[in-house]
C-alpha cells in the first residue's frame, strides 16, 4: 500500500489527469495518443500549473520518458483503484471506440469528471455539463472550450454530485429494477 501512494502525492497542489486501459495493444482504439495530446497541450498552455498524468493498465515501463507522467501498471485491488480515481482531477477517457465505458463509470462514481469523444457509448454517461467534456474527433478544434470548461470545474465541489448522479442511474438497485420490469413485460 505504501508503494501505491509513493507513485503520486495526493496533497501537493498538482492537477492530476488519469488515463486507464487494460491492454497496451489497444492503445490506438483507447485513444492514448489523444489523451497525451490533451495533457501535453494543457502543459504548454498552462506551464505554471503543475500537472501530472497517471496511466494505469498493462503497459511497458519503457514506452514513455516524461517526468510528469507515471506508469502505475495494473491495479487489481478495488480499494487502490477507488483511491486513484478519488485522488485525480480528471479522467481522460478518449477511446475512439467504446460501447459503454466501465472505467468512465467507475471514475464518475468516485466523483471524477471525464473527458470523452463524441460518437462513443461513454457519451451516455455524461448527464450534465459538470460530469464531463465532449471532444469532437479533431480534439484541437475543441481545446479552448475544454480549457474554459476545466477552469470552471476547479471552483465546484463535484464529488458528491457526480456520485449521486451515477448512483441514481446505474446503482445495482436501479439496474435490477429495470431488468425486473423488462422481464415482467415479456
C-alpha atoms as a PDB file:
ATOM      1  CA  UNK A   1       0.000   0.000   0.000  1.00  0.00           C
ATOM      2  CA  UNK A   2       2.829   2.455   0.740  1.00  0.00           C
ATOM      3  CA  UNK A   3       4.297   1.731  -2.696  1.00  0.00           C
ATOM      4  CA  UNK A   4       0.976   2.676  -4.249  1.00  0.00           C
ATOM      5  CA  UNK A   5       0.901   6.044  -2.506  1.00  0.00           C
ATOM      6  CA  UNK A   6       4.522   6.755  -3.378  1.00  0.00           C
ATOM      7  CA  UNK A   7       3.547   6.739  -7.058  1.00  0.00           C
ATOM      8  CA  UNK A   8       1.771  10.042  -6.671  1.00  0.00           C
ATOM      9  CA  UNK A   9       1.416  12.579  -3.907  1.00  0.00           C
ATOM     10  CA  UNK A  10      -2.202  13.474  -3.235  1.00  0.00           C
ATOM     11  CA  UNK A  11      -1.693  16.721  -1.330  1.00  0.00           C
ATOM     12  CA  UNK A  12       0.845  18.675  -3.380  1.00  0.00           C
ATOM     13  CA  UNK A  13      -1.282  21.195  -5.312  1.00  0.00           C
ATOM     14  CA  UNK A  14      -0.880  19.457  -8.640  1.00  0.00           C
ATOM     15  CA  UNK A  15      -3.551  18.818 -11.231  1.00  0.00           C
ATOM     16  CA  UNK A  16      -3.792  15.072 -11.787  1.00  0.00           C
ATOM     17  CA  UNK A  17      -5.001  13.671 -15.070  1.00  0.00           C
ATOM     18  CA  UNK A  18      -5.737   9.964 -15.288  1.00  0.00           C
ATOM     19  CA  UNK A  19      -5.862   7.523 -18.174  1.00  0.00           C
ATOM     20  CA  UNK A  20      -6.596   3.819 -17.830  1.00  0.00           C
ATOM     21  CA  UNK A  21      -6.872   0.777 -20.017  1.00  0.00           C
ATOM     22  CA  UNK A  22      -6.306  -2.942 -19.770  1.00  0.00           C
ATOM     23  CA  UNK A  23      -4.043  -3.712 -22.718  1.00  0.00           C
ATOM     24  CA  UNK A  24      -1.299  -1.615 -24.337  1.00  0.00           C
ATOM     25  CA  UNK A  25      -2.042  -3.378 -27.630  1.00  0.00           C
ATOM     26  CA  UNK A  26      -5.310  -1.417 -27.720  1.00  0.00           C
ATOM     27  CA  UNK A  27      -3.608   1.965 -27.218  1.00  0.00           C
ATOM     28  CA  UNK A  28      -4.913   3.420 -30.511  1.00  0.00           C
ATOM     29  CA  UNK A  29      -8.507   2.294 -30.001  1.00  0.00           C
ATOM     30  CA  UNK A  30      -8.437   3.523 -26.399  1.00  0.00           C
ATOM     31  CA  UNK A  31      -7.061   6.893 -27.557  1.00  0.00           C
ATOM     32  CA  UNK A  32      -3.825   7.005 -25.574  1.00  0.00           C
ATOM     33  CA  UNK A  33      -2.345   9.334 -28.214  1.00  0.00           C
ATOM     34  CA  UNK A  34      -5.320  11.696 -27.833  1.00  0.00           C
ATOM     35  CA  UNK A  35      -5.027  11.685 -24.042  1.00  0.00           C
ATOM     36  CA  UNK A  36      -1.325  12.507 -24.326  1.00  0.00           C
ATOM     37  CA  UNK A  37      -2.086  15.300 -26.815  1.00  0.00           C
ATOM     38  CA  UNK A  38      -4.640  16.865 -24.458  1.00  0.00           C
ATOM     39  CA  UNK A  39      -2.307  16.524 -21.472  1.00  0.00           C
ATOM     40  CA  UNK A  40       0.755  17.894 -23.280  1.00  0.00           C
ATOM     41  CA  UNK A  41      -1.227  20.768 -24.774  1.00  0.00           C
ATOM     42  CA  UNK A  42      -2.553  21.620 -21.300  1.00  0.00           C
ATOM     43  CA  UNK A  43       1.032  21.748 -20.018  1.00  0.00           C
ATOM     44  CA  UNK A  44       2.065  24.075 -22.867  1.00  0.00           C
ATOM     45  CA  UNK A  45      -0.947  26.347 -22.328  1.00  0.00           C
ATOM     46  CA  UNK A  46      -0.539  26.439 -18.535  1.00  0.00           C
ATOM     47  CA  UNK A  47       3.176  25.927 -17.815  1.00  0.00           C
ATOM     48  CA  UNK A  48       2.892  27.312 -14.266  1.00  0.00           C
ATOM     49  CA  UNK A  49       0.183  24.839 -13.291  1.00  0.00           C
ATOM     50  CA  UNK A  50       1.823  21.710 -12.058  1.00  0.00           C
ATOM     51  CA  UNK A  51       0.092  18.823 -13.787  1.00  0.00           C
ATOM     52  CA  UNK A  52       0.751  15.131 -13.852  1.00  0.00           C
ATOM     53  CA  UNK A  53      -0.629  12.226 -15.867  1.00  0.00           C
ATOM     54  CA  UNK A  54      -1.061   8.842 -14.199  1.00  0.00           C
ATOM     55  CA  UNK A  55      -1.624   5.889 -16.532  1.00  0.00           C
ATOM     56  CA  UNK A  56      -2.846   2.570 -15.207  1.00  0.00           C
ATOM     57  CA  UNK A  57      -3.152  -0.700 -17.048  1.00  0.00           C
ATOM     58  CA  UNK A  58      -0.906  -3.161 -18.832  1.00  0.00           C
ATOM     59  CA  UNK A  59       1.884  -1.015 -20.231  1.00  0.00           C
ATOM     60  CA  UNK A  60       5.624  -1.303 -20.694  1.00  0.00           C
ATOM     61  CA  UNK A  61       7.682   0.998 -18.478  1.00  0.00           C
ATOM     62  CA  UNK A  62       9.999   1.626 -21.459  1.00  0.00           C
ATOM     63  CA  UNK A  63       7.292   3.271 -23.572  1.00  0.00           C
ATOM     64  CA  UNK A  64       7.478   6.751 -22.031  1.00  0.00           C
ATOM     65  CA  UNK A  65      10.131   9.035 -20.679  1.00  0.00           C
ATOM     66  CA  UNK A  66       8.294  12.090 -19.382  1.00  0.00           C
ATOM     67  CA  UNK A  67       8.985  13.467 -15.941  1.00  0.00           C
ATOM     68  CA  UNK A  68       5.343  14.471 -15.351  1.00  0.00           C
ATOM     69  CA  UNK A  69       3.952  11.040 -16.218  1.00  0.00           C
ATOM     70  CA  UNK A  70       3.699   7.946 -14.026  1.00  0.00           C
ATOM     71  CA  UNK A  71       3.017   4.441 -15.319  1.00  0.00           C
ATOM     72  CA  UNK A  72       1.218   2.738 -12.469  1.00  0.00           C
ATOM     73  CA  UNK A  73       0.638  -0.645 -14.106  1.00  0.00           C
ATOM     74  CA  UNK A  74      -2.271  -2.976 -13.497  1.00  0.00           C
ATOM     75  CA  UNK A  75      -4.414  -2.313 -10.450  1.00  0.00           C
ATOM     76  CA  UNK A  76      -6.122  -5.429  -9.171  1.00  0.00           C
ATOM     77  CA  UNK A  77      -7.155  -4.066  -5.794  1.00  0.00           C
ATOM     78  CA  UNK A  78     -10.522  -2.284  -5.903  1.00  0.00           C
ATOM     79  CA  UNK A  79      -9.604  -0.130  -2.896  1.00  0.00           C
ATOM     80  CA  UNK A  80      -6.469   1.156  -4.671  1.00  0.00           C
ATOM     81  CA  UNK A  81      -8.468   1.869  -7.806  1.00  0.00           C
ATOM     82  CA  UNK A  82     -11.030   3.903  -5.835  1.00  0.00           C
ATOM     83  CA  UNK A  83      -8.218   5.871  -4.205  1.00  0.00           C
ATOM     84  CA  UNK A  84      -6.633   6.588  -7.579  1.00  0.00           C
ATOM     85  CA  UNK A  85      -9.921   7.883  -9.007  1.00  0.00           C
ATOM     86  CA  UNK A  86     -10.570   9.973  -5.915  1.00  0.00           C
ATOM     87  CA  UNK A  87      -7.067  11.477  -5.928  1.00  0.00           C
ATOM     88  CA  UNK A  88      -7.343  12.570  -9.568  1.00  0.00           C
ATOM     89  CA  UNK A  89      -8.848  15.711 -11.062  1.00  0.00           C
ATOM     90  CA  UNK A  90      -9.919  14.445 -14.492  1.00  0.00           C
ATOM     91  CA  UNK A  91     -10.176  11.137 -16.355  1.00  0.00           C
ATOM     92  CA  UNK A  92      -9.099  11.278 -19.992  1.00  0.00           C
ATOM     93  CA  UNK A  93     -11.419   8.621 -21.452  1.00  0.00           C
ATOM     94  CA  UNK A  94     -10.505   9.331 -25.058  1.00  0.00           C
ATOM     95  CA  UNK A  95     -11.445   5.992 -26.611  1.00  0.00           C
ATOM     96  CA  UNK A  96     -12.156   6.095 -30.319  1.00  0.00           C
ATOM     97  CA  UNK A  97     -14.364   3.025 -29.991  1.00  0.00           C
ATOM     98  CA  UNK A  98     -16.244   2.420 -26.759  1.00  0.00           C
ATOM     99  CA  UNK A  99     -19.621   0.783 -26.339  1.00  0.00           C
ATOM    100  CA  UNK A 100     -20.127   1.650 -22.665  1.00  0.00           C
ATOM    101  CA  UNK A 101     -17.064   2.802 -20.718  1.00  0.00           C
ATOM    102  CA  UNK A 102     -16.597   0.861 -17.482  1.00  0.00           C
ATOM    103  CA  UNK A 103     -13.560   2.936 -16.445  1.00  0.00           C
ATOM    104  CA  UNK A 104     -15.534   6.137 -17.017  1.00  0.00           C
ATOM    105  CA  UNK A 105     -18.477   4.863 -14.963  1.00  0.00           C
ATOM    106  CA  UNK A 106     -16.143   3.901 -12.119  1.00  0.00           C
ATOM    107  CA  UNK A 107     -14.480   7.321 -12.257  1.00  0.00           C
ATOM    108  CA  UNK A 108     -17.807   9.179 -12.170  1.00  0.00           C
ATOM    109  CA  UNK A 109     -18.984   7.001  -9.271  1.00  0.00           C
ATOM    110  CA  UNK A 110     -15.886   8.186  -7.381  1.00  0.00           C
ATOM    111  CA  UNK A 111     -16.691  11.813  -8.227  1.00  0.00           C
ATOM    112  CA  UNK A 112     -14.151  12.200 -11.027  1.00  0.00           C
ATOM    113  CA  UNK A 113     -15.285  14.124 -14.141  1.00  0.00           C
ATOM    114  CA  UNK A 114     -14.424  12.622 -17.517  1.00  0.00           C
ATOM    115  CA  UNK A 115     -13.354  13.686 -20.997  1.00  0.00           C
ATOM    116  CA  UNK A 116     -14.811  11.618 -23.840  1.00  0.00           C
ATOM    117  CA  UNK A 117     -15.052  11.643 -27.615  1.00  0.00           C
ATOM    118  CA  UNK A 118     -18.324  12.272 -29.394  1.00  0.00           C
ATOM    119  CA  UNK A 119     -19.899   9.204 -31.065  1.00  0.00           C
ATOM    120  CA  UNK A 120     -18.936   6.724 -28.349  1.00  0.00           C
ATOM    121  CA  UNK A 121     -21.134   4.926 -25.835  1.00  0.00           C
ATOM    122  CA  UNK A 122     -19.354   6.685 -22.991  1.00  0.00           C
ATOM    123  CA  UNK A 123     -21.108   9.881 -24.030  1.00  0.00           C
ATOM    124  CA  UNK A 124     -24.316   8.493 -22.440  1.00  0.00           C
ATOM    125  CA  UNK A 125     -22.697   8.702 -19.001  1.00  0.00           C
ATOM    126  CA  UNK A 126     -22.493  12.498 -19.126  1.00  0.00           C
ATOM    127  CA  UNK A 127     -25.806  13.604 -17.659  1.00  0.00           C
ATOM    128  CA  UNK A 128     -24.886  17.283 -17.287  1.00  0.00           C
ATOM    129  CA  UNK A 129     -22.051  19.628 -18.258  1.00  0.00           C
ATOM    130  CA  UNK A 130     -20.242  19.215 -14.928  1.00  0.00           C
ATOM    131  CA  UNK A 131     -19.835  15.477 -15.407  1.00  0.00           C
ATOM    132  CA  UNK A 132     -17.686  15.637 -18.478  1.00  0.00           C
ATOM    133  CA  UNK A 133     -16.406  17.356 -21.558  1.00  0.00           C
ATOM    134  CA  UNK A 134     -17.101  16.034 -25.048  1.00  0.00           C
ATOM    135  CA  UNK A 135     -14.407  16.370 -27.700  1.00  0.00           C
ATOM    136  CA  UNK A 136     -15.091  16.024 -31.399  1.00  0.00           C
ATOM    137  CA  UNK A 137     -12.778  13.652 -33.241  1.00  0.00           C
ATOM    138  CA  UNK A 138     -10.396  16.516 -34.049  1.00  0.00           C
ATOM    139  CA  UNK A 139      -9.529  17.423 -30.467  1.00  0.00           C
ATOM    140  CA  UNK A 140      -7.543  20.521 -31.452  1.00  0.00           C
ATOM    141  CA  UNK A 141     -10.750  22.295 -32.512  1.00  0.00           C
ATOM    142  CA  UNK A 142     -12.190  21.965 -29.000  1.00  0.00           C
ATOM    143  CA  UNK A 143      -9.163  22.661 -26.797  1.00  0.00           C
ATOM    144  CA  UNK A 144     -10.058  26.269 -25.942  1.00  0.00           C
ATOM    145  CA  UNK A 145     -13.597  25.241 -24.928  1.00  0.00           C
ATOM    146  CA  UNK A 146     -12.074  22.421 -22.882  1.00  0.00           C
ATOM    147  CA  UNK A 147      -9.809  24.865 -21.011  1.00  0.00           C
ATOM    148  CA  UNK A 148     -12.784  27.095 -20.166  1.00  0.00           C
ATOM    149  CA  UNK A 149     -14.826  24.084 -19.009  1.00  0.00           C
ATOM    150  CA  UNK A 150     -11.958  22.719 -16.916  1.00  0.00           C
ATOM    151  CA  UNK A 151     -11.262  26.079 -15.259  1.00  0.00           C
ATOM    152  CA  UNK A 152     -14.930  26.249 -14.154  1.00  0.00           C
ATOM    153  CA  UNK A 153     -14.681  22.769 -12.618  1.00  0.00           C
ATOM    154  CA  UNK A 154     -11.944  23.736 -10.200  1.00  0.00           C
ATOM    155  CA  UNK A 155     -14.327  26.106  -8.411  1.00  0.00           C
ATOM    156  CA  UNK A 156     -17.057  23.488  -7.942  1.00  0.00           C
ATOM    157  CA  UNK A 157     -17.089  20.654  -5.411  1.00  0.00           C
ATOM    158  CA  UNK A 158     -18.254  17.867  -7.712  1.00  0.00           C
ATOM    159  CA  UNK A 159     -17.513  14.585  -5.985  1.00  0.00           C
ATOM    160  CA  UNK A 160     -20.784  14.202  -4.137  1.00  0.00           C
ATOM    161  CA  UNK A 161     -22.888  15.451  -7.068  1.00  0.00           C
ATOM    162  CA  UNK A 162     -21.241  13.136  -9.609  1.00  0.00           C
ATOM    163  CA  UNK A 163     -21.544  10.133  -7.322  1.00  0.00           C
ATOM    164  CA  UNK A 164     -25.237  10.887  -6.725  1.00  0.00           C
ATOM    165  CA  UNK A 165     -25.947  11.272 -10.481  1.00  0.00           C
ATOM    166  CA  UNK A 166     -24.317   7.941 -11.306  1.00  0.00           C
ATOM    167  CA  UNK A 167     -25.914   6.155  -8.345  1.00  0.00           C
ATOM    168  CA  UNK A 168     -29.353   7.431  -9.428  1.00  0.00           C
ATOM    169  CA  UNK A 169     -28.955   5.947 -12.902  1.00  0.00           C
ATOM    170  CA  UNK A 170     -26.572   2.985 -12.544  1.00  0.00           C
ATOM    171  CA  UNK A 171     -26.772   1.562  -8.999  1.00  0.00           C
ATOM    172  CA  UNK A 172     -27.402  -2.174  -8.552  1.00  0.00           C
ATOM    173  CA  UNK A 173     -30.932  -1.423  -7.321  1.00  0.00           C
ATOM    174  CA  UNK A 174     -31.802   0.776 -10.318  1.00  0.00           C
ATOM    175  CA  UNK A 175     -30.413  -1.711 -12.858  1.00  0.00           C
ATOM    176  CA  UNK A 176     -32.107  -4.587 -11.024  1.00  0.00           C
ATOM    177  CA  UNK A 177     -35.471  -2.814 -11.198  1.00  0.00           C
ATOM    178  CA  UNK A 178     -35.010  -2.179 -14.921  1.00  0.00           C
ATOM    179  CA  UNK A 179     -34.329  -5.864 -15.565  1.00  0.00           C
ATOM    180  CA  UNK A 180     -37.239  -6.871 -13.350  1.00  0.00           C
ATOM    181  CA  UNK A 181     -39.603  -4.552 -15.265  1.00  0.00           C
ATOM    182  CA  UNK A 182     -38.245  -5.776 -18.593  1.00  0.00           C
ATOM    183  CA  UNK A 183     -38.802  -9.418 -17.642  1.00  0.00           C
ATOM    184  CA  UNK A 184     -42.284  -8.685 -16.299  1.00  0.00           C
ATOM    185  CA  UNK A 185     -43.221  -7.029 -19.587  1.00  0.00           C
ATOM    186  CA  UNK A 186     -42.173 -10.028 -21.709  1.00  0.00           C
END
